[in-house]
Amino acid sequence: MAEVIDVRAKARYIPISAQKVRLVLNQVRGLPAPEAMDVLRFTPNYAARPVYKLLGSAIANGEENFGMNREDMFVYRIFADEGPTRRWRRFGARGRFKPILRRHSHITVVLRERGSDKD
């Protein structure tokens, strides 16, 4: 049997909320790697750019470290977790203040080769 190799890449402390990043991740989950790159290149969301860079990094890791072919890789798992929230405040009328939450996220991509998912 062929050994299943998972290629991982992580981006941490991305200054976008995880909820907004997940909208982009749902578009590329399960797609072949080159097709996922094309989808992200033309997605107008602000979160598409860091996901595009991360996916490119994961593809490069697979090619350089494991000798995998770019055409055979697909997005096996991709998810976004919540990072730390920076709390800010803006003062309002009558002695009140309005809290502002600057959310961050951690994005993880796991790629596999197309022939090895039959196990």
N, C-alpha and C. Protein backbone atom coordinates (compact mmCIF):
# COMPACT_ATOMS: atom_id res chain seq x y z
N MET A 1 0.83 -1.20 0.00
CA MET A 1 0.00 0.00 0.00
C MET A 1 0.86 1.24 0.00
N ALA A 2 0.37 2.25 -0.67
CA ALA A 2 1.08 3.51 -0.70
C ALA A 2 0.83 4.26 0.61
N GLU A 3 1.87 4.91 1.07
CA GLU A 3 1.75 5.67 2.30
C GLU A 3 1.03 6.99 2.02
N VAL A 4 0.10 7.36 2.89
CA VAL A 4 -0.65 8.60 2.74
C VAL A 4 0.17 9.73 3.36
N ILE A 5 0.45 10.75 2.56
CA ILE A 5 1.24 11.88 3.02
C ILE A 5 0.34 13.10 3.08
N ASP A 6 0.28 13.71 4.23
CA ASP A 6 -0.46 14.96 4.40
C ASP A 6 0.52 16.12 4.39
N VAL A 7 0.26 17.09 3.55
CA VAL A 7 1.08 18.30 3.48
C VAL A 7 0.31 19.40 4.19
N ARG A 8 0.92 20.00 5.20
CA ARG A 8 0.24 21.00 6.02
C ARG A 8 0.91 22.37 5.86
N ALA A 9 0.08 23.39 5.99
CA ALA A 9 0.58 24.76 6.07
C ALA A 9 -0.38 25.53 6.98
N LYS A 10 0.18 26.41 7.80
CA LYS A 10 -0.62 27.19 8.74
C LYS A 10 -0.29 28.67 8.59
N ALA A 11 -1.31 29.48 8.73
CA ALA A 11 -1.13 30.93 8.82
C ALA A 11 -1.82 31.34 10.11
N ARG A 12 -1.07 32.01 10.96
CA ARG A 12 -1.60 32.38 12.27
C ARG A 12 -1.70 33.89 12.38
N TYR A 13 -2.63 34.33 13.22
CA TYR A 13 -2.84 35.74 13.54
C TYR A 13 -3.16 36.57 12.29
N ILE A 14 -4.02 36.04 11.44
CA ILE A 14 -4.50 36.78 10.27
C ILE A 14 -5.57 37.76 10.76
N PRO A 15 -5.47 39.05 10.45
CA PRO A 15 -6.39 40.03 11.04
C PRO A 15 -7.76 40.10 10.35
N ILE A 16 -8.40 38.94 10.21
CA ILE A 16 -9.75 38.84 9.66
C ILE A 16 -10.50 37.87 10.56
N SER A 17 -11.78 38.10 10.77
CA SER A 17 -12.53 37.19 11.63
C SER A 17 -12.65 35.82 10.97
N ALA A 18 -12.67 34.78 11.78
CA ALA A 18 -12.73 33.41 11.27
C ALA A 18 -14.02 33.16 10.51
N GLN A 19 -15.08 33.82 10.88
CA GLN A 19 -16.36 33.65 10.19
C GLN A 19 -16.26 34.12 8.74
N LYS A 20 -15.58 35.22 8.49
CA LYS A 20 -15.42 35.72 7.13
C LYS A 20 -14.47 34.85 6.32
N VAL A 21 -13.45 34.30 6.97
CA VAL A 21 -12.51 33.43 6.28
C VAL A 21 -13.20 32.13 5.88
N ARG A 22 -14.08 31.62 6.72
CA ARG A 22 -14.77 30.35 6.42
C ARG A 22 -15.63 30.45 5.17
N LEU A 23 -16.16 31.64 4.87
CA LEU A 23 -16.94 31.82 3.65
C LEU A 23 -16.08 31.55 2.41
N VAL A 24 -14.82 31.94 2.46
CA VAL A 24 -13.91 31.70 1.35
C VAL A 24 -13.46 30.24 1.33
N LEU A 25 -13.20 29.67 2.50
CA LEU A 25 -12.70 28.30 2.57
C LEU A 25 -13.72 27.30 2.04
N ASN A 26 -15.00 27.58 2.23
CA ASN A 26 -16.03 26.67 1.75
C ASN A 26 -16.04 26.57 0.23
N GLN A 27 -15.52 27.57 -0.46
CA GLN A 27 -15.49 27.54 -1.92
C GLN A 27 -14.43 26.60 -2.47
N VAL A 28 -13.35 26.36 -1.72
CA VAL A 28 -12.23 25.58 -2.26
C VAL A 28 -12.08 24.21 -1.62
N ARG A 29 -12.89 23.89 -0.64
CA ARG A 29 -12.76 22.61 0.05
C ARG A 29 -13.04 21.45 -0.92
N GLY A 30 -12.08 20.52 -1.01
CA GLY A 30 -12.24 19.34 -1.85
C GLY A 30 -11.82 19.52 -3.30
N LEU A 31 -11.44 20.71 -3.70
CA LEU A 31 -11.05 20.96 -5.09
C LEU A 31 -9.60 20.54 -5.34
N PRO A 32 -9.26 20.22 -6.59
CA PRO A 32 -7.84 20.03 -6.92
C PRO A 32 -7.07 21.33 -6.67
N ALA A 33 -5.81 21.22 -6.33
CA ALA A 33 -5.02 22.39 -5.93
C ALA A 33 -4.95 23.47 -7.00
N PRO A 34 -4.67 23.15 -8.28
CA PRO A 34 -4.61 24.24 -9.27
C PRO A 34 -5.97 24.93 -9.47
N GLU A 35 -7.04 24.16 -9.42
CA GLU A 35 -8.37 24.75 -9.56
C GLU A 35 -8.72 25.63 -8.37
N ALA A 36 -8.32 25.21 -7.17
CA ALA A 36 -8.56 26.01 -5.97
C ALA A 36 -7.79 27.34 -6.04
N MET A 37 -6.58 27.30 -6.59
CA MET A 37 -5.81 28.53 -6.75
C MET A 37 -6.52 29.48 -7.71
N ASP A 38 -7.09 28.94 -8.80
CA ASP A 38 -7.81 29.78 -9.75
C ASP A 38 -9.06 30.40 -9.12
N VAL A 39 -9.78 29.60 -8.34
CA VAL A 39 -10.98 30.12 -7.68
C VAL A 39 -10.61 31.25 -6.73
N LEU A 40 -9.54 31.08 -5.96
CA LEU A 40 -9.14 32.11 -5.00
C LEU A 40 -8.61 33.36 -5.69
N ARG A 41 -7.95 33.18 -6.83
CA ARG A 41 -7.40 34.33 -7.54
C ARG A 41 -8.50 35.30 -7.96
N PHE A 42 -9.68 34.78 -8.31
CA PHE A 42 -10.75 35.63 -8.81
C PHE A 42 -11.88 35.84 -7.80
N THR A 43 -11.66 35.46 -6.55
CA THR A 43 -12.65 35.72 -5.50
C THR A 43 -12.43 37.13 -4.96
N PRO A 44 -13.47 37.97 -4.95
CA PRO A 44 -13.28 39.36 -4.55
C PRO A 44 -13.21 39.60 -3.04
N ASN A 45 -13.40 38.59 -2.22
CA ASN A 45 -13.38 38.78 -0.77
C ASN A 45 -11.98 39.15 -0.29
N TYR A 46 -11.92 39.95 0.75
CA TYR A 46 -10.65 40.36 1.34
C TYR A 46 -9.90 39.16 1.91
N ALA A 47 -10.62 38.15 2.38
CA ALA A 47 -10.00 36.98 2.99
C ALA A 47 -9.39 36.04 1.97
N ALA A 48 -9.67 36.23 0.68
CA ALA A 48 -9.17 35.31 -0.34
C ALA A 48 -7.66 35.44 -0.52
N ARG A 49 -7.11 36.62 -0.31
CA ARG A 49 -5.68 36.82 -0.53
C ARG A 49 -4.80 36.02 0.44
N PRO A 50 -5.02 36.09 1.77
CA PRO A 50 -4.18 35.26 2.64
C PRO A 50 -4.40 33.76 2.44
N VAL A 51 -5.62 33.36 2.08
CA VAL A 51 -5.88 31.94 1.82
C VAL A 51 -5.15 31.51 0.55
N TYR A 52 -5.11 32.38 -0.46
CA TYR A 52 -4.39 32.11 -1.71
C TYR A 52 -2.91 31.92 -1.44
N LYS A 53 -2.32 32.81 -0.64
CA LYS A 53 -0.91 32.71 -0.31
C LYS A 53 -0.61 31.45 0.49
N LEU A 54 -1.51 31.09 1.41
CA LEU A 54 -1.30 29.90 2.22
C LEU A 54 -1.39 28.64 1.38
N LEU A 55 -2.35 28.59 0.48
CA LEU A 55 -2.49 27.42 -0.39
C LEU A 55 -1.27 27.29 -1.31
N GLY A 56 -0.77 28.41 -1.81
CA GLY A 56 0.45 28.36 -2.61
C GLY A 56 1.64 27.85 -1.82
N SER A 57 1.71 28.22 -0.56
CA SER A 57 2.78 27.74 0.31
C SER A 57 2.66 26.24 0.55
N ALA A 58 1.43 25.76 0.75
CA ALA A 58 1.23 24.32 0.98
C ALA A 58 1.59 23.53 -0.28
N ILE A 59 1.25 24.04 -1.44
CA ILE A 59 1.60 23.37 -2.69
C ILE A 59 3.12 23.32 -2.86
N ALA A 60 3.79 24.42 -2.56
CA ALA A 60 5.25 24.46 -2.65
C ALA A 60 5.89 23.50 -1.65
N ASN A 61 5.31 23.37 -0.44
CA ASN A 61 5.82 22.41 0.54
C ASN A 61 5.72 20.99 0.01
N GLY A 62 4.59 20.67 -0.61
CA GLY A 62 4.41 19.33 -1.15
C GLY A 62 5.37 19.02 -2.28
N GLU A 63 5.62 20.00 -3.14
CA GLU A 63 6.53 19.78 -4.26
C GLU A 63 7.98 19.66 -3.80
N GLU A 64 8.41 20.55 -2.91
CA GLU A 64 9.82 20.59 -2.51
C GLU A 64 10.17 19.53 -1.48
N ASN A 65 9.31 19.34 -0.47
CA ASN A 65 9.67 18.45 0.64
C ASN A 65 9.28 17.00 0.40
N PHE A 66 8.21 16.77 -0.37
CA PHE A 66 7.72 15.41 -0.53
C PHE A 66 7.75 14.93 -1.97
N GLY A 67 8.14 15.77 -2.92
CA GLY A 67 8.23 15.37 -4.33
C GLY A 67 6.88 15.08 -4.97
N MET A 68 5.83 15.71 -4.49
CA MET A 68 4.49 15.48 -5.03
C MET A 68 4.30 16.33 -6.28
N ASN A 69 3.36 15.90 -7.12
CA ASN A 69 3.03 16.63 -8.33
C ASN A 69 1.89 17.61 -8.02
N ARG A 70 2.01 18.82 -8.51
CA ARG A 70 1.01 19.85 -8.27
C ARG A 70 -0.36 19.45 -8.80
N GLU A 71 -0.39 18.77 -9.93
CA GLU A 71 -1.66 18.39 -10.56
C GLU A 71 -2.39 17.29 -9.79
N ASP A 72 -1.67 16.50 -9.00
CA ASP A 72 -2.27 15.39 -8.26
C ASP A 72 -2.76 15.78 -6.88
N MET A 73 -2.40 16.96 -6.40
CA MET A 73 -2.79 17.37 -5.05
C MET A 73 -4.20 17.95 -5.04
N PHE A 74 -4.90 17.73 -3.93
CA PHE A 74 -6.21 18.34 -3.73
C PHE A 74 -6.34 18.78 -2.28
N VAL A 75 -7.29 19.66 -2.03
CA VAL A 75 -7.49 20.23 -0.69
C VAL A 75 -8.26 19.19 0.13
N TYR A 76 -7.54 18.48 0.99
CA TYR A 76 -8.15 17.44 1.80
C TYR A 76 -8.92 18.04 2.97
N ARG A 77 -8.28 18.94 3.70
CA ARG A 77 -8.93 19.65 4.81
C ARG A 77 -8.49 21.09 4.78
N ILE A 78 -9.40 21.98 5.10
CA ILE A 78 -9.06 23.39 5.22
C ILE A 78 -10.03 23.99 6.24
N PHE A 79 -9.50 24.68 7.23
CA PHE A 79 -10.36 25.23 8.27
C PHE A 79 -9.73 26.47 8.88
N ALA A 80 -10.58 27.26 9.52
CA ALA A 80 -10.15 28.49 10.19
C ALA A 80 -10.63 28.46 11.63
N ASP A 81 -9.71 28.67 12.53
CA ASP A 81 -10.03 28.75 13.95
C ASP A 81 -9.92 30.21 14.40
N GLU A 82 -10.57 30.50 15.51
CA GLU A 82 -10.50 31.87 16.03
C GLU A 82 -9.16 32.09 16.72
N GLY A 83 -8.60 33.25 16.47
CA GLY A 83 -7.38 33.67 17.14
C GLY A 83 -7.74 34.61 18.27
N PRO A 84 -6.76 35.31 18.80
CA PRO A 84 -7.05 36.25 19.89
C PRO A 84 -7.84 37.45 19.39
N THR A 85 -8.64 38.00 20.27
CA THR A 85 -9.44 39.18 19.96
C THR A 85 -8.86 40.37 20.70
N ARG A 86 -8.49 41.40 19.97
CA ARG A 86 -7.99 42.62 20.59
C ARG A 86 -9.18 43.52 20.88
N ARG A 87 -9.31 43.91 22.11
CA ARG A 87 -10.46 44.72 22.52
C ARG A 87 -10.06 46.19 22.54
N TRP A 88 -10.85 46.98 21.90
CA TRP A 88 -10.63 48.39 21.71
C TRP A 88 -11.87 49.09 22.22
N ARG A 89 -11.80 50.36 22.49
CA ARG A 89 -13.03 51.06 22.87
C ARG A 89 -13.02 52.45 22.28
N ARG A 90 -14.20 52.89 21.95
CA ARG A 90 -14.39 54.25 21.45
C ARG A 90 -15.42 54.91 22.36
N PHE A 91 -15.11 56.07 22.81
CA PHE A 91 -15.99 56.72 23.75
C PHE A 91 -17.21 57.31 23.05
N GLY A 92 -18.36 57.14 23.68
CA GLY A 92 -19.62 57.60 23.11
C GLY A 92 -20.21 58.74 23.94
N ALA A 93 -21.42 59.04 23.61
CA ALA A 93 -22.09 60.15 24.28
C ALA A 93 -22.49 59.77 25.70
N ARG A 94 -22.62 60.77 26.55
CA ARG A 94 -23.13 60.63 27.92
C ARG A 94 -22.30 59.66 28.75
N GLY A 95 -21.00 59.72 28.58
CA GLY A 95 -20.11 58.95 29.45
C GLY A 95 -20.04 57.47 29.14
N ARG A 96 -20.60 57.03 28.05
CA ARG A 96 -20.55 55.61 27.69
C ARG A 96 -19.36 55.36 26.77
N PHE A 97 -19.07 54.08 26.58
CA PHE A 97 -18.08 53.76 25.54
C PHE A 97 -18.57 52.57 24.74
N LYS A 98 -18.14 52.53 23.50
CA LYS A 98 -18.57 51.51 22.56
C LYS A 98 -17.41 50.54 22.34
N PRO A 99 -17.59 49.27 22.66
CA PRO A 99 -16.49 48.32 22.45
C PRO A 99 -16.32 47.97 20.97
N ILE A 100 -15.07 47.85 20.58
CA ILE A 100 -14.71 47.42 19.22
C ILE A 100 -13.85 46.17 19.37
N LEU A 101 -14.21 45.11 18.68
CA LEU A 101 -13.49 43.84 18.75
C LEU A 101 -12.72 43.64 17.45
N ARG A 102 -11.40 43.58 17.53
CA ARG A 102 -10.56 43.31 16.37
C ARG A 102 -10.23 41.83 16.40
N ARG A 103 -10.90 41.06 15.58
CA ARG A 103 -10.76 39.61 15.62
C ARG A 103 -9.64 39.13 14.70
N HIS A 104 -9.03 38.01 15.08
CA HIS A 104 -7.98 37.38 14.29
C HIS A 104 -8.34 35.91 14.08
N SER A 105 -7.65 35.27 13.14
CA SER A 105 -7.94 33.86 12.86
C SER A 105 -6.65 33.12 12.54
N HIS A 106 -6.71 31.81 12.72
CA HIS A 106 -5.64 30.89 12.36
C HIS A 106 -6.20 29.98 11.26
N ILE A 107 -5.51 29.91 10.11
CA ILE A 107 -5.99 29.13 8.98
C ILE A 107 -5.04 27.95 8.78
N THR A 108 -5.60 26.76 8.55
CA THR A 108 -4.82 25.55 8.33
C THR A 108 -5.28 24.88 7.04
N VAL A 109 -4.31 24.45 6.21
CA VAL A 109 -4.59 23.75 4.97
C VAL A 109 -3.88 22.41 5.02
N VAL A 110 -4.58 21.34 4.63
CA VAL A 110 -4.00 20.01 4.53
C VAL A 110 -4.26 19.51 3.11
N LEU A 111 -3.18 19.18 2.39
CA LEU A 111 -3.28 18.67 1.03
C LEU A 111 -2.90 17.20 1.00
N ARG A 112 -3.50 16.45 0.06
CA ARG A 112 -3.16 15.06 -0.20
C ARG A 112 -3.06 14.83 -1.67
N GLU A 113 -2.43 13.72 -2.04
CA GLU A 113 -2.40 13.34 -3.45
C GLU A 113 -3.68 12.64 -3.82
N ARG A 114 -4.11 12.78 -5.04
CA ARG A 114 -5.39 12.25 -5.48
C ARG A 114 -5.43 10.72 -5.42
N GLY A 115 -4.35 10.04 -5.73
CA GLY A 115 -4.35 8.57 -5.74
C GLY A 115 -4.36 7.93 -4.38
N SER A 116 -4.00 8.67 -3.32
CA SER A 116 -3.86 8.08 -2.00
C SER A 116 -5.10 8.17 -1.14
N ASP A 117 -6.22 8.72 -1.64
CA ASP A 117 -7.42 8.86 -0.80
C ASP A 117 -8.33 7.65 -0.86
N LYS A 118 -7.92 6.58 -1.53
CA LYS A 118 -8.75 5.38 -1.64
C LYS A 118 -8.68 4.48 -0.41
N ASP A 119 -7.70 4.74 0.46
CA ASP A 119 -7.51 3.88 1.65
C ASP A 119 -8.60 4.01 2.66
